[in-house]
Amino acid sequence: KVRSALISKTPNPYPNLDMDSNVF
């Protein structure tokens, strides 16, 4: 199951989420 999960990754539900910009 672990190998299968690594091969077929779940799509990112928040593809447009900005993790780099300053939140302040």
PDB file of all heavy atoms in Angstrom:
ATOM      1  N   LYS A   1       0.829  -1.204   0.000  1.00  0.00           N
ATOM      2  CA  LYS A   1       0.000   0.000   0.000  1.00  0.00           C
ATOM      3  C   LYS A   1       0.873   1.268   0.000  1.00  0.00           C
ATOM      4  O   LYS A   1       0.568   2.253  -0.656  1.00  0.00           O
ATOM      5  CB  LYS A   1      -0.925   0.008   1.214  1.00  0.00           C
ATOM      6  CG  LYS A   1      -2.046  -1.011   1.132  1.00  0.00           C
ATOM      7  CD  LYS A   1      -2.941  -0.910   2.355  1.00  0.00           C
ATOM      8  CE  LYS A   1      -4.090  -1.924   2.269  1.00  0.00           C
ATOM      9  NZ  LYS A   1      -4.973  -1.851   3.451  1.00  0.00           N
ATOM     10  N   VAL A   2       1.969   1.216   0.775  1.00  0.00           N
ATOM     11  CA  VAL A   2       2.869   2.368   0.835  1.00  0.00           C
ATOM     12  C   VAL A   2       3.499   2.618  -0.532  1.00  0.00           C
ATOM     13  O   VAL A   2       3.550   3.747  -1.020  1.00  0.00           O
ATOM     14  CB  VAL A   2       3.972   2.140   1.907  1.00  0.00           C
ATOM     15  CG1 VAL A   2       5.034   3.236   1.809  1.00  0.00           C
ATOM     16  CG2 VAL A   2       3.358   2.119   3.297  1.00  0.00           C
ATOM     17  N   ARG A   3       3.965   1.524  -1.182  1.00  0.00           N
ATOM     18  CA  ARG A   3       4.570   1.663  -2.509  1.00  0.00           C
ATOM     19  C   ARG A   3       3.566   2.213  -3.513  1.00  0.00           C
ATOM     20  O   ARG A   3       3.884   3.051  -4.355  1.00  0.00           O
ATOM     21  CB  ARG A   3       5.095   0.310  -2.992  1.00  0.00           C
ATOM     22  CG  ARG A   3       6.272  -0.221  -2.171  1.00  0.00           C
ATOM     23  CD  ARG A   3       6.897  -1.437  -2.854  1.00  0.00           C
ATOM     24  NE  ARG A   3       7.790  -2.161  -1.954  1.00  0.00           N
ATOM     25  CZ  ARG A   3       7.473  -3.279  -1.321  1.00  0.00           C
ATOM     26  NH1 ARG A   3       6.263  -3.824  -1.504  1.00  0.00           N
ATOM     27  NH2 ARG A   3       8.339  -3.868  -0.521  1.00  0.00           N
ATOM     28  N   SER A   4       2.342   1.707  -3.425  1.00  0.00           N
ATOM     29  CA  SER A   4       1.293   2.150  -4.335  1.00  0.00           C
ATOM     30  C   SER A   4       0.999   3.637  -4.145  1.00  0.00           C
ATOM     31  O   SER A   4       0.804   4.384  -5.105  1.00  0.00           O
ATOM     32  CB  SER A   4       0.026   1.329  -4.101  1.00  0.00           C
ATOM     33  OG  SER A   4      -1.027   1.790  -4.910  1.00  0.00           O
ATOM     34  N   ALA A   5       0.992   4.073  -2.867  1.00  0.00           N
ATOM     35  CA  ALA A   5       0.720   5.481  -2.572  1.00  0.00           C
ATOM     36  C   ALA A   5       1.832   6.369  -3.103  1.00  0.00           C
ATOM     37  O   ALA A   5       1.596   7.486  -3.591  1.00  0.00           O
ATOM     38  CB  ALA A   5       0.563   5.677  -1.066  1.00  0.00           C
ATOM     39  N   LEU A   6       3.069   5.876  -3.035  1.00  0.00           N
ATOM     40  CA  LEU A   6       4.214   6.667  -3.520  1.00  0.00           C
ATOM     41  C   LEU A   6       4.191   6.799  -5.028  1.00  0.00           C
ATOM     42  O   LEU A   6       4.578   7.818  -5.599  1.00  0.00           O
ATOM     43  CB  LEU A   6       5.528   6.018  -3.057  1.00  0.00           C
ATOM     44  CG  LEU A   6       5.835   6.112  -1.562  1.00  0.00           C
ATOM     45  CD1 LEU A   6       7.070   5.288  -1.242  1.00  0.00           C
ATOM     46  CD2 LEU A   6       6.029   7.561  -1.135  1.00  0.00           C
ATOM     47  N   ILE A   7       3.737   5.737  -5.700  1.00  0.00           N
ATOM     48  CA  ILE A   7       3.694   5.742  -7.161  1.00  0.00           C
ATOM     49  C   ILE A   7       2.563   6.625  -7.672  1.00  0.00           C
ATOM     50  O   ILE A   7       2.724   7.448  -8.551  1.00  0.00           O
ATOM     51  CB  ILE A   7       3.550   4.306  -7.699  1.00  0.00           C
ATOM     52  CG1 ILE A   7       4.817   3.499  -7.382  1.00  0.00           C
ATOM     53  CG2 ILE A   7       3.293   4.322  -9.208  1.00  0.00           C
ATOM     54  CD1 ILE A   7       4.679   2.018  -7.664  1.00  0.00           C
ATOM     55  N   SER A   8       1.366   6.435  -7.100  1.00  0.00           N
ATOM     56  CA  SER A   8       0.191   7.211  -7.523  1.00  0.00           C
ATOM     57  C   SER A   8      -0.150   8.232  -6.443  1.00  0.00           C
ATOM     58  O   SER A   8      -0.994   7.985  -5.583  1.00  0.00           O
ATOM     59  CB  SER A   8      -0.999   6.271  -7.767  1.00  0.00           C
ATOM     60  OG  SER A   8      -1.249   5.488  -6.610  1.00  0.00           O
ATOM     61  N   LYS A   9       0.550   9.380  -6.452  1.00  0.00           N
ATOM     62  CA  LYS A   9       0.348  10.410  -5.432  1.00  0.00           C
ATOM     63  C   LYS A   9      -1.007  11.089  -5.601  1.00  0.00           C
ATOM     64  O   LYS A   9      -1.475  11.313  -6.714  1.00  0.00           O
ATOM     65  CB  LYS A   9       1.458  11.449  -5.519  1.00  0.00           C
ATOM     66  CG  LYS A   9       2.832  10.881  -5.166  1.00  0.00           C
ATOM     67  CD  LYS A   9       3.886  11.980  -5.229  1.00  0.00           C
ATOM     68  CE  LYS A   9       5.253  11.427  -4.843  1.00  0.00           C
ATOM     69  NZ  LYS A   9       6.301  12.466  -4.900  1.00  0.00           N
ATOM     70  N   THR A  10      -1.621  11.408  -4.487  1.00  0.00           N
ATOM     71  CA  THR A  10      -2.896  12.116  -4.502  1.00  0.00           C
ATOM     72  C   THR A  10      -2.673  13.545  -4.990  1.00  0.00           C
ATOM     73  O   THR A  10      -1.744  14.218  -4.549  1.00  0.00           O
ATOM     74  CB  THR A  10      -3.494  12.166  -3.076  1.00  0.00           C
ATOM     75  OG1 THR A  10      -3.616  10.840  -2.578  1.00  0.00           O
ATOM     76  CG2 THR A  10      -4.847  12.860  -3.081  1.00  0.00           C
ATOM     77  N   PRO A  11      -3.500  14.021  -5.898  1.00  0.00           N
ATOM     78  CA  PRO A  11      -3.348  15.400  -6.392  1.00  0.00           C
ATOM     79  C   PRO A  11      -3.472  16.408  -5.252  1.00  0.00           C
ATOM     80  O   PRO A  11      -4.251  16.213  -4.307  1.00  0.00           O
ATOM     81  CB  PRO A  11      -4.516  15.548  -7.385  1.00  0.00           C
ATOM     82  CG  PRO A  11      -4.870  14.145  -7.757  1.00  0.00           C
ATOM     83  CD  PRO A  11      -4.597  13.307  -6.550  1.00  0.00           C
ATOM     84  N   ASN A  12      -2.689  17.475  -5.330  1.00  0.00           N
ATOM     85  CA  ASN A  12      -2.738  18.531  -4.319  1.00  0.00           C
ATOM     86  C   ASN A  12      -4.095  19.216  -4.374  1.00  0.00           C
ATOM     87  O   ASN A  12      -4.475  19.785  -5.403  1.00  0.00           O
ATOM     88  CB  ASN A  12      -1.619  19.551  -4.598  1.00  0.00           C
ATOM     89  CG  ASN A  12      -1.562  20.632  -3.527  1.00  0.00           C
ATOM     90  OD1 ASN A  12      -2.385  20.680  -2.621  1.00  0.00           O
ATOM     91  ND2 ASN A  12      -0.581  21.520  -3.653  1.00  0.00           N
ATOM     92  N   PRO A  13      -4.883  19.170  -3.271  1.00  0.00           N
ATOM     93  CA  PRO A  13      -6.218  19.781  -3.299  1.00  0.00           C
ATOM     94  C   PRO A  13      -6.160  21.308  -3.338  1.00  0.00           C
ATOM     95  O   PRO A  13      -7.159  21.965  -3.598  1.00  0.00           O
ATOM     96  CB  PRO A  13      -6.859  19.276  -2.000  1.00  0.00           C
ATOM     97  CG  PRO A  13      -5.698  18.980  -1.097  1.00  0.00           C
ATOM     98  CD  PRO A  13      -4.587  18.514  -1.997  1.00  0.00           C
ATOM     99  N   TYR A  14      -4.983  21.898  -3.021  1.00  0.00           N
ATOM    100  CA  TYR A  14      -4.838  23.362  -3.016  1.00  0.00           C
ATOM    101  C   TYR A  14      -3.638  23.761  -3.892  1.00  0.00           C
ATOM    102  O   TYR A  14      -2.610  24.233  -3.393  1.00  0.00           O
ATOM    103  CB  TYR A  14      -4.636  23.881  -1.588  1.00  0.00           C
ATOM    104  CG  TYR A  14      -5.692  23.392  -0.625  1.00  0.00           C
ATOM    105  CD1 TYR A  14      -5.397  22.405   0.308  1.00  0.00           C
ATOM    106  CD2 TYR A  14      -6.982  23.923  -0.660  1.00  0.00           C
ATOM    107  CE1 TYR A  14      -6.362  21.959   1.195  1.00  0.00           C
ATOM    108  CE2 TYR A  14      -7.959  23.475   0.219  1.00  0.00           C
ATOM    109  CZ  TYR A  14      -7.644  22.493   1.144  1.00  0.00           C
ATOM    110  OH  TYR A  14      -8.596  22.054   2.021  1.00  0.00           O
ATOM    111  N   PRO A  15      -3.755  23.571  -5.188  1.00  0.00           N
ATOM    112  CA  PRO A  15      -2.600  23.820  -6.083  1.00  0.00           C
ATOM    113  C   PRO A  15      -2.166  25.280  -6.126  1.00  0.00           C
ATOM    114  O   PRO A  15      -1.034  25.578  -6.477  1.00  0.00           O
ATOM    115  CB  PRO A  15      -3.109  23.349  -7.445  1.00  0.00           C
ATOM    116  CG  PRO A  15      -4.599  23.470  -7.349  1.00  0.00           C
ATOM    117  CD  PRO A  15      -4.943  23.142  -5.932  1.00  0.00           C
ATOM    118  N   ASN A  16      -3.072  26.190  -5.787  1.00  0.00           N
ATOM    119  CA  ASN A  16      -2.747  27.612  -5.881  1.00  0.00           C
ATOM    120  C   ASN A  16      -2.326  28.214  -4.539  1.00  0.00           C
ATOM    121  O   ASN A  16      -2.190  29.432  -4.423  1.00  0.00           O
ATOM    122  CB  ASN A  16      -3.953  28.394  -6.429  1.00  0.00           C
ATOM    123  CG  ASN A  16      -4.318  27.954  -7.836  1.00  0.00           C
ATOM    124  OD1 ASN A  16      -3.436  27.717  -8.660  1.00  0.00           O
ATOM    125  ND2 ASN A  16      -5.613  27.835  -8.102  1.00  0.00           N
ATOM    126  N   LEU A  17      -2.136  27.365  -3.541  1.00  0.00           N
ATOM    127  CA  LEU A  17      -1.758  27.860  -2.223  1.00  0.00           C
ATOM    128  C   LEU A  17      -0.315  28.376  -2.250  1.00  0.00           C
ATOM    129  O   LEU A  17       0.602  27.673  -2.639  1.00  0.00           O
ATOM    130  CB  LEU A  17      -1.884  26.743  -1.178  1.00  0.00           C
ATOM    131  CG  LEU A  17      -1.609  27.130   0.280  1.00  0.00           C
ATOM    132  CD1 LEU A  17      -2.632  28.159   0.755  1.00  0.00           C
ATOM    133  CD2 LEU A  17      -1.656  25.896   1.175  1.00  0.00           C
ATOM    134  N   ASP A  18      -0.138  29.622  -1.837  1.00  0.00           N
ATOM    135  CA  ASP A  18       1.185  30.261  -1.833  1.00  0.00           C
ATOM    136  C   ASP A  18       1.861  30.010  -0.489  1.00  0.00           C
ATOM    137  O   ASP A  18       1.425  30.518   0.539  1.00  0.00           O
ATOM    138  CB  ASP A  18       1.023  31.766  -2.082  1.00  0.00           C
ATOM    139  CG  ASP A  18       2.357  32.482  -2.191  1.00  0.00           C
ATOM    140  OD1 ASP A  18       3.398  31.816  -2.060  1.00  0.00           O
ATOM    141  OD2 ASP A  18       2.352  33.712  -2.404  1.00  0.00           O
ATOM    142  N   MET A  19       2.934  29.222  -0.526  1.00  0.00           N
ATOM    143  CA  MET A  19       3.663  28.897   0.702  1.00  0.00           C
ATOM    144  C   MET A  19       4.927  29.746   0.862  1.00  0.00           C
ATOM    145  O   MET A  19       5.655  29.590   1.849  1.00  0.00           O
ATOM    146  CB  MET A  19       4.058  27.410   0.693  1.00  0.00           C
ATOM    147  CG  MET A  19       2.882  26.463   0.641  1.00  0.00           C
ATOM    148  SD  MET A  19       1.840  26.550   2.117  1.00  0.00           S
ATOM    149  CE  MET A  19       2.930  25.787   3.326  1.00  0.00           C
ATOM    150  N   ASP A  20       5.191  30.630  -0.083  1.00  0.00           N
ATOM    151  CA  ASP A  20       6.449  31.379  -0.062  1.00  0.00           C
ATOM    152  C   ASP A  20       6.298  32.836   0.349  1.00  0.00           C
ATOM    153  O   ASP A  20       7.210  33.411   0.934  1.00  0.00           O
ATOM    154  CB  ASP A  20       7.114  31.321  -1.444  1.00  0.00           C
ATOM    155  CG  ASP A  20       7.471  29.890  -1.830  1.00  0.00           C
ATOM    156  OD1 ASP A  20       7.953  29.149  -0.965  1.00  0.00           O
ATOM    157  OD2 ASP A  20       7.237  29.527  -3.002  1.00  0.00           O
ATOM    158  N   SER A  21       5.160  33.435   0.045  1.00  0.00           N
ATOM    159  CA  SER A  21       5.001  34.851   0.336  1.00  0.00           C
ATOM    160  C   SER A  21       4.910  35.104   1.839  1.00  0.00           C
ATOM    161  O   SER A  21       4.454  34.246   2.599  1.00  0.00           O
ATOM    162  CB  SER A  21       3.741  35.400  -0.350  1.00  0.00           C
ATOM    163  OG  SER A  21       3.853  35.266  -1.745  1.00  0.00           O
ATOM    164  N   ASN A  22       5.312  36.305   2.252  1.00  0.00           N
ATOM    165  CA  ASN A  22       5.260  36.698   3.660  1.00  0.00           C
ATOM    166  C   ASN A  22       3.803  36.843   4.085  1.00  0.00           C
ATOM    167  O   ASN A  22       3.012  37.521   3.422  1.00  0.00           O
ATOM    168  CB  ASN A  22       5.996  38.033   3.843  1.00  0.00           C
ATOM    169  CG  ASN A  22       6.364  38.287   5.286  1.00  0.00           C
ATOM    170  OD1 ASN A  22       5.603  37.965   6.188  1.00  0.00           O
ATOM    171  ND2 ASN A  22       7.523  38.878   5.506  1.00  0.00           N
ATOM    172  N   VAL A  23       3.439  36.222   5.212  1.00  0.00           N
ATOM    173  CA  VAL A  23       2.049  36.273   5.675  1.00  0.00           C
ATOM    174  C   VAL A  23       1.767  37.553   6.449  1.00  0.00           C
ATOM    175  O   VAL A  23       0.612  37.882   6.719  1.00  0.00           O
ATOM    176  CB  VAL A  23       1.723  35.047   6.565  1.00  0.00           C
ATOM    177  CG1 VAL A  23       1.854  33.765   5.771  1.00  0.00           C
ATOM    178  CG2 VAL A  23       2.616  35.003   7.808  1.00  0.00           C
ATOM    179  N   PHE A  24       2.810  38.283   6.848  1.00  0.00           N
ATOM    180  CA  PHE A  24       2.622  39.508   7.612  1.00  0.00           C
ATOM    181  C   PHE A  24       2.411  40.692   6.681  1.00  0.00           C
ATOM    182  O   PHE A  24       2.920  40.734   5.559  1.00  0.00           O
ATOM    183  CB  PHE A  24       3.841  39.789   8.495  1.00  0.00           C
ATOM    184  CG  PHE A  24       4.050  38.769   9.576  1.00  0.00           C
ATOM    185  CD1 PHE A  24       5.059  37.828   9.474  1.00  0.00           C
ATOM    186  CD2 PHE A  24       3.239  38.754  10.691  1.00  0.00           C
ATOM    187  CE1 PHE A  24       5.255  36.891  10.468  1.00  0.00           C
ATOM    188  CE2 PHE A  24       3.431  37.821  11.693  1.00  0.00           C
ATOM    189  CZ  PHE A  24       4.442  36.890  11.583  1.00  0.00           C
TER     190      PHE A  24
END
